[in-house]
């Protein structure tokens, strides 16, 4: 599966707001990883639950719920 294919990944408005709060140094990497994970799962929208799951997997912050 190629995440850079024609598929356009949409973002939920809340997910986009949360991405803006990610430190600039890691934001681009986080965006790529979230979109890649969404494509792998056959999703075409990055959702807040997906963000929480990826954040927990990569940054070990799964215990923090908002």
PDB file of N, CA and C in Angstrom:
ATOM      1  N   UNK A   1       0.847  -1.190   0.000  1.00  0.00           N
ATOM      2  CA  UNK A   1       0.000   0.000   0.000  1.00  0.00           C
ATOM      3  C   UNK A   1       0.885   1.243   0.000  1.00  0.00           C
ATOM      4  N   UNK A   2       0.559   2.176  -0.847  1.00  0.00           N
ATOM      5  CA  UNK A   2       1.383   3.368  -0.992  1.00  0.00           C
ATOM      6  C   UNK A   2       0.641   4.607  -0.514  1.00  0.00           C
ATOM      7  N   UNK A   3       0.998   5.144   0.650  1.00  0.00           N
ATOM      8  CA  UNK A   3       0.292   6.313   1.171  1.00  0.00           C
ATOM      9  C   UNK A   3       0.400   7.553   0.295  1.00  0.00           C
ATOM     10  N   UNK A   4       1.376   7.601  -0.580  1.00  0.00           N
ATOM     11  CA  UNK A   4       1.504   8.776  -1.434  1.00  0.00           C
ATOM     12  C   UNK A   4       0.731   8.602  -2.741  1.00  0.00           C
ATOM     13  N   UNK A   5      -0.212   7.655  -2.753  1.00  0.00           N
ATOM     14  CA  UNK A   5      -1.035   7.452  -3.946  1.00  0.00           C
ATOM     15  C   UNK A   5      -1.997   8.622  -4.105  1.00  0.00           C
ATOM     16  N   UNK A   6      -2.940   8.483  -5.032  1.00  0.00           N
ATOM     17  CA  UNK A   6      -3.885   9.548  -5.331  1.00  0.00           C
ATOM     18  C   UNK A   6      -4.819   9.823  -4.159  1.00  0.00           C
ATOM     19  N   UNK A   7      -4.965   8.874  -3.257  1.00  0.00           N
ATOM     20  CA  UNK A   7      -5.922   9.027  -2.174  1.00  0.00           C
ATOM     21  C   UNK A   7      -5.650  10.270  -1.356  1.00  0.00           C
ATOM     22  N   UNK A   8      -6.699  11.013  -1.126  1.00  0.00           N
ATOM     23  CA  UNK A   8      -6.595  12.219  -0.310  1.00  0.00           C
ATOM     24  C   UNK A   8      -7.125  11.889   1.076  1.00  0.00           C
ATOM     25  N   UNK A   9      -6.321  12.158   2.066  1.00  0.00           N
ATOM     26  CA  UNK A   9      -6.726  11.902   3.441  1.00  0.00           C
ATOM     27  C   UNK A   9      -7.351  13.174   4.005  1.00  0.00           C
ATOM     28  N   UNK A  10      -8.556  13.048   4.505  1.00  0.00           N
ATOM     29  CA  UNK A  10      -9.240  14.168   5.141  1.00  0.00           C
ATOM     30  C   UNK A  10      -8.908  14.157   6.634  1.00  0.00           C
ATOM     31  N   UNK A  11      -9.165  15.263   7.284  1.00  0.00           N
ATOM     32  CA  UNK A  11      -8.932  15.394   8.723  1.00  0.00           C
ATOM     33  C   UNK A  11     -10.195  15.914   9.375  1.00  0.00           C
ATOM     34  N   UNK A  12     -10.622  15.285  10.475  1.00  0.00           N
ATOM     35  CA  UNK A  12     -11.719  15.829  11.263  1.00  0.00           C
ATOM     36  C   UNK A  12     -11.266  17.186  11.787  1.00  0.00           C
ATOM     37  N   UNK A  13     -12.194  18.151  11.906  1.00  0.00           N
ATOM     38  CA  UNK A  13     -11.795  19.483  12.405  1.00  0.00           C
ATOM     39  C   UNK A  13     -11.083  19.417  13.760  1.00  0.00           C
ATOM     40  N   UNK A  14     -11.565  18.594  14.677  1.00  0.00           N
ATOM     41  CA  UNK A  14     -10.929  18.484  15.985  1.00  0.00           C
ATOM     42  C   UNK A  14      -9.535  17.871  15.859  1.00  0.00           C
ATOM     43  N   UNK A  15      -9.387  16.901  14.959  1.00  0.00           N
ATOM     44  CA  UNK A  15      -8.071  16.289  14.737  1.00  0.00           C
ATOM     45  C   UNK A  15      -7.094  17.338  14.198  1.00  0.00           C
ATOM     46  N   UNK A  16      -7.566  18.195  13.284  1.00  0.00           N
ATOM     47  CA  UNK A  16      -6.700  19.257  12.753  1.00  0.00           C
ATOM     48  C   UNK A  16      -6.287  20.215  13.863  1.00  0.00           C
ATOM     49  N   UNK A  17      -7.222  20.572  14.742  1.00  0.00           N
ATOM     50  CA  UNK A  17      -6.885  21.471  15.855  1.00  0.00           C
ATOM     51  C   UNK A  17      -5.823  20.849  16.751  1.00  0.00           C
ATOM     52  N   UNK A  18      -5.981  19.560  17.013  1.00  0.00           N
ATOM     53  CA  UNK A  18      -4.992  18.883  17.863  1.00  0.00           C
ATOM     54  C   UNK A  18      -3.626  18.834  17.184  1.00  0.00           C
ATOM     55  N   UNK A  19      -3.607  18.630  15.866  1.00  0.00           N
ATOM     56  CA  UNK A  19      -2.330  18.586  15.150  1.00  0.00           C
ATOM     57  C   UNK A  19      -1.607  19.933  15.282  1.00  0.00           C
ATOM     58  N   UNK A  20      -2.372  21.025  15.264  1.00  0.00           N
ATOM     59  CA  UNK A  20      -1.763  22.358  15.385  1.00  0.00           C
ATOM     60  C   UNK A  20      -1.058  22.536  16.725  1.00  0.00           C
ATOM     61  N   UNK A  21      -1.479  21.776  17.754  1.00  0.00           N
ATOM     62  CA  UNK A  21      -0.866  21.890  19.078  1.00  0.00           C
ATOM     63  C   UNK A  21       0.400  21.049  19.211  1.00  0.00           C
ATOM     64  N   UNK A  22       0.648  20.189  18.233  1.00  0.00           N
ATOM     65  CA  UNK A  22       1.848  19.353  18.260  1.00  0.00           C
ATOM     66  C   UNK A  22       3.061  20.259  18.010  1.00  0.00           C
ATOM     67  N   UNK A  23       4.128  20.088  18.765  1.00  0.00           N
ATOM     68  CA  UNK A  23       5.318  20.931  18.532  1.00  0.00           C
ATOM     69  C   UNK A  23       5.775  20.870  17.074  1.00  0.00           C
ATOM     70  N   UNK A  24       6.146  22.011  16.539  1.00  0.00           N
ATOM     71  CA  UNK A  24       6.523  22.115  15.126  1.00  0.00           C
ATOM     72  C   UNK A  24       7.594  21.107  14.734  1.00  0.00           C
ATOM     73  N   UNK A  25       8.498  20.813  15.650  1.00  0.00           N
ATOM     74  CA  UNK A  25       9.612  19.913  15.343  1.00  0.00           C
ATOM     75  C   UNK A  25       9.149  18.509  14.962  1.00  0.00           C
ATOM     76  N   UNK A  26       7.997  18.089  15.473  1.00  0.00           N
ATOM     77  CA  UNK A  26       7.522  16.724  15.179  1.00  0.00           C
ATOM     78  C   UNK A  26       6.208  16.706  14.408  1.00  0.00           C
ATOM     79  N   UNK A  27       5.626  17.877  14.140  1.00  0.00           N
ATOM     80  CA  UNK A  27       4.307  17.935  13.511  1.00  0.00           C
ATOM     81  C   UNK A  27       4.284  17.256  12.145  1.00  0.00           C
ATOM     82  N   UNK A  28       5.284  17.528  11.308  1.00  0.00           N
ATOM     83  CA  UNK A  28       5.288  16.937   9.960  1.00  0.00           C
ATOM     84  C   UNK A  28       5.380  15.414  10.040  1.00  0.00           C
ATOM     85  N   UNK A  29       6.245  14.923  10.933  1.00  0.00           N
ATOM     86  CA  UNK A  29       6.381  13.475  11.094  1.00  0.00           C
ATOM     87  C   UNK A  29       5.073  12.872  11.606  1.00  0.00           C
ATOM     88  N   UNK A  30       4.456  13.551  12.567  1.00  0.00           N
ATOM     89  CA  UNK A  30       3.199  13.055  13.130  1.00  0.00           C
ATOM     90  C   UNK A  30       2.124  13.003  12.059  1.00  0.00           C
ATOM     91  N   UNK A  31       2.041  14.020  11.222  1.00  0.00           N
ATOM     92  CA  UNK A  31       1.030  14.066  10.162  1.00  0.00           C
ATOM     93  C   UNK A  31       1.227  12.913   9.177  1.00  0.00           C
ATOM     94  N   UNK A  32       2.464  12.703   8.763  1.00  0.00           N
ATOM     95  CA  UNK A  32       2.764  11.607   7.836  1.00  0.00           C
ATOM     96  C   UNK A  32       2.387  10.266   8.464  1.00  0.00           C
ATOM     97  N   UNK A  33       2.753  10.076   9.709  1.00  0.00           N
ATOM     98  CA  UNK A  33       2.476   8.811  10.390  1.00  0.00           C
ATOM     99  C   UNK A  33       0.978   8.584  10.551  1.00  0.00           C
ATOM    100  N   UNK A  34       0.241   9.618  10.906  1.00  0.00           N
ATOM    101  CA  UNK A  34      -1.218   9.497  11.056  1.00  0.00           C
ATOM    102  C   UNK A  34      -1.884   9.169   9.731  1.00  0.00           C
ATOM    103  N   UNK A  35      -1.476   9.852   8.677  1.00  0.00           N
ATOM    104  CA  UNK A  35      -2.071   9.589   7.363  1.00  0.00           C
ATOM    105  C   UNK A  35      -1.700   8.194   6.870  1.00  0.00           C
ATOM    106  N   UNK A  36      -0.463   7.775   7.120  1.00  0.00           N
ATOM    107  CA  UNK A  36      -0.045   6.438   6.699  1.00  0.00           C
ATOM    108  C   UNK A  36      -0.861   5.370   7.438  1.00  0.00           C
ATOM    109  N   UNK A  37      -1.045   5.566   8.728  1.00  0.00           N
ATOM    110  CA  UNK A  37      -1.815   4.609   9.520  1.00  0.00           C
ATOM    111  C   UNK A  37      -3.262   4.550   9.034  1.00  0.00           C
ATOM    112  N   UNK A  38      -3.840   5.704   8.734  1.00  0.00           N
ATOM    113  CA  UNK A  38      -5.218   5.740   8.232  1.00  0.00           C
ATOM    114  C   UNK A  38      -5.327   4.959   6.921  1.00  0.00           C
ATOM    115  N   UNK A  39      -4.399   5.185   6.002  1.00  0.00           N
ATOM    116  CA  UNK A  39      -4.423   4.489   4.708  1.00  0.00           C
ATOM    117  C   UNK A  39      -4.272   2.985   4.906  1.00  0.00           C
ATOM    118  N   UNK A  40      -3.364   2.582   5.798  1.00  0.00           N
ATOM    119  CA  UNK A  40      -3.167   1.152   6.066  1.00  0.00           C
ATOM    120  C   UNK A  40      -4.460   0.485   6.515  1.00  0.00           C
ATOM    121  N   UNK A  41      -5.278   1.241   7.228  1.00  0.00           N
ATOM    122  CA  UNK A  41      -6.522   0.683   7.766  1.00  0.00           C
ATOM    123  C   UNK A  41      -7.700   0.874   6.828  1.00  0.00           C
ATOM    124  N   UNK A  42      -7.438   1.444   5.671  1.00  0.00           N
ATOM    125  CA  UNK A  42      -8.528   1.660   4.720  1.00  0.00           C
ATOM    126  C   UNK A  42      -9.412   2.839   5.092  1.00  0.00           C
ATOM    127  N   UNK A  43      -8.883   3.717   5.948  1.00  0.00           N
ATOM    128  CA  UNK A  43      -9.644   4.909   6.346  1.00  0.00           C
ATOM    129  C   UNK A  43      -9.257   6.058   5.426  1.00  0.00           C
ATOM    130  N   UNK A  44     -10.189   6.984   5.218  1.00  0.00           N
ATOM    131  CA  UNK A  44      -9.818   8.165   4.437  1.00  0.00           C
ATOM    132  C   UNK A  44      -9.960   9.438   5.252  1.00  0.00           C
ATOM    133  N   UNK A  45     -10.141   9.263   6.581  1.00  0.00           N
ATOM    134  CA  UNK A  45     -10.258  10.404   7.490  1.00  0.00           C
ATOM    135  C   UNK A  45      -9.401  10.144   8.721  1.00  0.00           C
ATOM    136  N   UNK A  46      -8.593  11.138   9.103  1.00  0.00           N
ATOM    137  CA  UNK A  46      -7.848  11.041  10.364  1.00  0.00           C
ATOM    138  C   UNK A  46      -8.792  11.518  11.458  1.00  0.00           C
ATOM    139  N   UNK A  47      -9.028  10.656  12.442  1.00  0.00           N
ATOM    140  CA  UNK A  47      -9.963  10.949  13.522  1.00  0.00           C
ATOM    141  C   UNK A  47      -9.207  11.156  14.835  1.00  0.00           C
ATOM    142  N   UNK A  48      -9.894  11.734  15.807  1.00  0.00           N
ATOM    143  CA  UNK A  48      -9.289  11.932  17.120  1.00  0.00           C
ATOM    144  C   UNK A  48      -8.913  10.587  17.761  1.00  0.00           C
ATOM    145  N   UNK A  49      -9.813   9.567  17.736  1.00  0.00           N
ATOM    146  CA  UNK A  49      -9.402   8.276  18.319  1.00  0.00           C
ATOM    147  C   UNK A  49      -8.148   7.696  17.657  1.00  0.00           C
ATOM    148  N   UNK A  50      -8.007   7.869  16.346  1.00  0.00           N
ATOM    149  CA  UNK A  50      -6.802   7.397  15.656  1.00  0.00           C
ATOM    150  C   UNK A  50      -5.583   8.162  16.173  1.00  0.00           C
ATOM    151  N   UNK A  51      -5.727   9.464  16.352  1.00  0.00           N
ATOM    152  CA  UNK A  51      -4.618  10.267  16.875  1.00  0.00           C
ATOM    153  C   UNK A  51      -4.202   9.781  18.259  1.00  0.00           C
ATOM    154  N   UNK A  52      -5.197   9.508  19.121  1.00  0.00           N
ATOM    155  CA  UNK A  52      -4.900   9.038  20.476  1.00  0.00           C
ATOM    156  C   UNK A  52      -4.133   7.717  20.424  1.00  0.00           C
ATOM    157  N   UNK A  53      -4.566   6.834  19.539  1.00  0.00           N
ATOM    158  CA  UNK A  53      -3.920   5.522  19.430  1.00  0.00           C
ATOM    159  C   UNK A  53      -2.483   5.644  18.937  1.00  0.00           C
ATOM    160  N   UNK A  54      -2.271   6.453  17.900  1.00  0.00           N
ATOM    161  CA  UNK A  54      -0.924   6.634  17.352  1.00  0.00           C
ATOM    162  C   UNK A  54      -0.036   7.338  18.377  1.00  0.00           C
ATOM    163  N   UNK A  55      -0.586   8.319  19.076  1.00  0.00           N
ATOM    164  CA  UNK A  55       0.182   9.028  20.099  1.00  0.00           C
ATOM    165  C   UNK A  55       0.622   8.059  21.192  1.00  0.00           C
ATOM    166  N   UNK A  56      -0.295   7.209  21.613  1.00  0.00           N
ATOM    167  CA  UNK A  56       0.037   6.235  22.662  1.00  0.00           C
ATOM    168  C   UNK A  56       1.118   5.276  22.182  1.00  0.00           C
ATOM    169  N   UNK A  57       1.004   4.844  20.939  1.00  0.00           N
ATOM    170  CA  UNK A  57       1.960   3.886  20.377  1.00  0.00           C
ATOM    171  C   UNK A  57       3.361   4.487  20.283  1.00  0.00           C
ATOM    172  N   UNK A  58       3.455   5.727  19.834  1.00  0.00           N
ATOM    173  CA  UNK A  58       4.759   6.335  19.573  1.00  0.00           C
ATOM    174  C   UNK A  58       5.312   7.150  20.725  1.00  0.00           C
ATOM    175  N   UNK A  59       4.417   7.693  21.556  1.00  0.00           N
ATOM    176  CA  UNK A  59       4.894   8.601  22.587  1.00  0.00           C
ATOM    177  C   UNK A  59       4.534   8.132  23.990  1.00  0.00           C
ATOM    178  N   UNK A  60       3.839   7.014  24.105  1.00  0.00           N
ATOM    179  CA  UNK A  60       3.527   6.455  25.415  1.00  0.00           C
ATOM    180  C   UNK A  60       2.643   7.352  26.260  1.00  0.00           C
ATOM    181  N   UNK A  61       1.750   8.069  25.618  1.00  0.00           N
ATOM    182  CA  UNK A  61       0.881   8.979  26.350  1.00  0.00           C
ATOM    183  C   UNK A  61      -0.560   8.494  26.361  1.00  0.00           C
ATOM    184  N   UNK A  62      -0.766   7.232  26.186  1.00  0.00           N
ATOM    185  CA  UNK A  62      -2.109   6.683  26.086  1.00  0.00           C
ATOM    186  C   UNK A  62      -2.953   6.882  27.321  1.00  0.00           C
ATOM    187  N   UNK A  63      -2.326   7.064  28.470  1.00  0.00           N
ATOM    188  CA  UNK A  63      -3.075   7.205  29.722  1.00  0.00           C
ATOM    189  C   UNK A  63      -3.758   8.580  29.813  1.00  0.00           C
ATOM    190  N   UNK A  64      -3.286   9.542  29.067  1.00  0.00           N
ATOM    191  CA  UNK A  64      -3.877  10.871  29.128  1.00  0.00           C
ATOM    192  C   UNK A  64      -5.108  10.929  28.244  1.00  0.00           C
ATOM    193  N   UNK A  65      -6.250  11.127  28.877  1.00  0.00           N
ATOM    194  CA  UNK A  65      -7.512  11.236  28.146  1.00  0.00           C
ATOM    195  C   UNK A  65      -8.060  12.650  28.303  1.00  0.00           C
ATOM    196  N   UNK A  66      -8.577  13.227  27.214  1.00  0.00           N
ATOM    197  CA  UNK A  66      -9.180  14.553  27.316  1.00  0.00           C
ATOM    198  C   UNK A  66     -10.586  14.498  26.802  1.00  0.00           C
TER     199      UNK A  66
END
